[in-house]
Amino acid sequence: MSESAISISEFCKLHDISKWSYWQLRKRGHGPKELRLPHTSVVRILPQAVQDWRAHMEKLATTKTMQLETARRAKQRAAGRSSAKRKAG
């Protein structure tokens, strides 16, 4: 990774996420620390913030809450597929 600050768009490309996903993560307090340049609308993410974010996301992925949420979503998807099969059949 480059040793210079990156934009939100570059961050999203680097991590293969949409800007919408970025804003949702940020809204929930899970976005990377942003550097806002004074008196401008320029936002940059420093390399250390990227590393900290990755560590945070890894930790978050292993928490019990995340495991429960993943299981709930899988169950919801399975229920949706079952419903679709019944309608088609």
C-alpha atoms as a PDB file:
ATOM      1  CA  MET A   1       0.000   0.000   0.000  1.00  0.00           C
ATOM      2  CA  SER A   2       1.137   3.539  -0.692  1.00  0.00           C
ATOM      3  CA  GLU A   3       2.596   5.530   2.202  1.00  0.00           C
ATOM      4  CA  SER A   4       0.515   8.590   1.346  1.00  0.00           C
ATOM      5  CA  ALA A   5      -3.012   9.503   2.367  1.00  0.00           C
ATOM      6  CA  ILE A   6      -5.819   8.272   0.130  1.00  0.00           C
ATOM      7  CA  SER A   7      -9.277   9.543  -0.735  1.00  0.00           C
ATOM      8  CA  ILE A   8     -12.512   7.833   0.230  1.00  0.00           C
ATOM      9  CA  SER A   9     -12.903   6.653  -3.379  1.00  0.00           C
ATOM     10  CA  GLU A  10      -9.410   5.156  -3.339  1.00  0.00           C
ATOM     11  CA  PHE A  11     -10.131   3.503   0.008  1.00  0.00           C
ATOM     12  CA  CYS A  12     -13.305   1.953  -1.402  1.00  0.00           C
ATOM     13  CA  LYS A  13     -11.475   0.650  -4.488  1.00  0.00           C
ATOM     14  CA  LEU A  14      -8.650  -0.705  -2.336  1.00  0.00           C
ATOM     15  CA  HIS A  15     -11.082  -2.658  -0.149  1.00  0.00           C
ATOM     16  CA  ASP A  16     -13.581  -3.540  -2.880  1.00  0.00           C
ATOM     17  CA  ILE A  17     -16.521  -1.862  -1.169  1.00  0.00           C
ATOM     18  CA  SER A  18     -19.062   0.590  -2.520  1.00  0.00           C
ATOM     19  CA  LYS A  19     -19.228   4.169  -1.323  1.00  0.00           C
ATOM     20  CA  TRP A  20     -22.672   3.342   0.083  1.00  0.00           C
ATOM     21  CA  SER A  21     -21.110   0.574   2.180  1.00  0.00           C
ATOM     22  CA  TYR A  22     -18.401   2.991   3.305  1.00  0.00           C
ATOM     23  CA  TRP A  23     -20.999   5.515   4.474  1.00  0.00           C
ATOM     24  CA  GLN A  24     -22.979   2.792   6.255  1.00  0.00           C
ATOM     25  CA  LEU A  25     -19.844   1.606   8.069  1.00  0.00           C
ATOM     26  CA  ARG A  26     -19.000   5.180   8.988  1.00  0.00           C
ATOM     27  CA  LYS A  27     -22.541   5.863  10.172  1.00  0.00           C
ATOM     28  CA  ARG A  28     -22.300   2.841  12.503  1.00  0.00           C
ATOM     29  CA  GLY A  29     -18.931   3.974  13.856  1.00  0.00           C
ATOM     30  CA  HIS A  30     -16.916   1.399  11.916  1.00  0.00           C
ATOM     31  CA  GLY A  31     -15.295   3.610   9.291  1.00  0.00           C
ATOM     32  CA  PRO A  32     -11.621   4.529   9.205  1.00  0.00           C
ATOM     33  CA  LYS A  33     -10.409   7.690  10.909  1.00  0.00           C
ATOM     34  CA  GLU A  34     -10.651  10.531   8.415  1.00  0.00           C
ATOM     35  CA  LEU A  35      -8.380  13.541   8.069  1.00  0.00           C
ATOM     36  CA  ARG A  36     -10.367  16.595   7.025  1.00  0.00           C
ATOM     37  CA  LEU A  37      -8.310  19.441   5.624  1.00  0.00           C
ATOM     38  CA  PRO A  38      -9.291  22.752   7.251  1.00  0.00           C
ATOM     39  CA  HIS A  39     -11.557  25.097   5.290  1.00  0.00           C
ATOM     40  CA  THR A  40     -12.043  22.547   2.494  1.00  0.00           C
ATOM     41  CA  SER A  41     -14.213  19.554   1.752  1.00  0.00           C
ATOM     42  CA  VAL A  42     -11.109  17.409   1.180  1.00  0.00           C
ATOM     43  CA  VAL A  43     -11.068  14.172   3.184  1.00  0.00           C
ATOM     44  CA  ARG A  44      -8.094  11.828   3.305  1.00  0.00           C
ATOM     45  CA  ILE A  45      -7.382   8.563   5.077  1.00  0.00           C
ATOM     46  CA  LEU A  46      -3.850   8.073   6.375  1.00  0.00           C
ATOM     47  CA  PRO A  47      -2.050   4.720   6.035  1.00  0.00           C
ATOM     48  CA  GLN A  48      -2.136   4.183   9.816  1.00  0.00           C
ATOM     49  CA  ALA A  49      -5.904   4.747   9.795  1.00  0.00           C
ATOM     50  CA  VAL A  50      -6.233   2.078   7.090  1.00  0.00           C
ATOM     51  CA  GLN A  51      -4.221  -0.394   9.179  1.00  0.00           C
ATOM     52  CA  ASP A  52      -6.249   0.445  12.297  1.00  0.00           C
ATOM     53  CA  TRP A  53      -9.496  -0.002  10.349  1.00  0.00           C
ATOM     54  CA  ARG A  54      -8.422  -3.404   9.042  1.00  0.00           C
ATOM     55  CA  ALA A  55      -7.565  -4.547  12.570  1.00  0.00           C
ATOM     56  CA  HIS A  56     -10.905  -3.235  13.838  1.00  0.00           C
ATOM     57  CA  MET A  57     -12.824  -5.047  11.085  1.00  0.00           C
ATOM     58  CA  GLU A  58     -10.976  -8.311  11.789  1.00  0.00           C
ATOM     59  CA  LYS A  59     -11.809  -8.012  15.479  1.00  0.00           C
ATOM     60  CA  LEU A  60     -15.411  -7.119  14.693  1.00  0.00           C
ATOM     61  CA  ALA A  61     -15.765 -10.142  12.421  1.00  0.00           C
ATOM     62  CA  THR A  62     -14.806 -12.475  15.249  1.00  0.00           C
ATOM     63  CA  THR A  63     -17.111 -11.055  17.897  1.00  0.00           C
ATOM     64  CA  LYS A  64     -20.106 -12.997  19.089  1.00  0.00           C
ATOM     65  CA  THR A  65     -22.485 -10.289  17.888  1.00  0.00           C
ATOM     66  CA  MET A  66     -21.132 -10.495  14.360  1.00  0.00           C
ATOM     67  CA  GLN A  67     -21.348 -14.273  14.408  1.00  0.00           C
ATOM     68  CA  LEU A  68     -24.984 -14.081  15.501  1.00  0.00           C
ATOM     69  CA  GLU A  69     -25.754 -11.494  12.832  1.00  0.00           C
ATOM     70  CA  THR A  70     -24.124 -13.639  10.158  1.00  0.00           C
ATOM     71  CA  ALA A  71     -26.186 -16.654  11.271  1.00  0.00           C
ATOM     72  CA  ARG A  72     -29.383 -14.572  11.288  1.00  0.00           C
ATOM     73  CA  ARG A  73     -28.755 -13.317   7.754  1.00  0.00           C
ATOM     74  CA  ALA A  74     -28.002 -16.829   6.503  1.00  0.00           C
ATOM     75  CA  LYS A  75     -31.253 -18.085   8.031  1.00  0.00           C
ATOM     76  CA  GLN A  76     -33.122 -15.174   6.452  1.00  0.00           C
ATOM     77  CA  ARG A  77     -31.624 -15.932   3.012  1.00  0.00           C
ATOM     78  CA  ALA A  78     -32.514 -19.618   3.360  1.00  0.00           C
ATOM     79  CA  ALA A  79     -36.089 -18.717   4.296  1.00  0.00           C
ATOM     80  CA  GLY A  80     -36.294 -16.448   1.251  1.00  0.00           C
ATOM     81  CA  ARG A  81     -35.082 -19.218  -1.056  1.00  0.00           C
ATOM     82  CA  SER A  82     -37.600 -21.655   0.422  1.00  0.00           C
ATOM     83  CA  SER A  83     -40.394 -19.163  -0.107  1.00  0.00           C
ATOM     84  CA  ALA A  84     -39.330 -18.559  -3.706  1.00  0.00           C
ATOM     85  CA  LYS A  85     -39.266 -22.302  -4.415  1.00  0.00           C
ATOM     86  CA  ARG A  86     -42.797 -22.749  -3.038  1.00  0.00           C
ATOM     87  CA  LYS A  87     -44.077 -19.896  -5.223  1.00  0.00           C
ATOM     88  CA  ALA A  88     -42.379 -21.317  -8.310  1.00  0.00           C
ATOM     89  CA  GLY A  89     -43.516 -24.845  -7.681  1.00  0.00           C
END
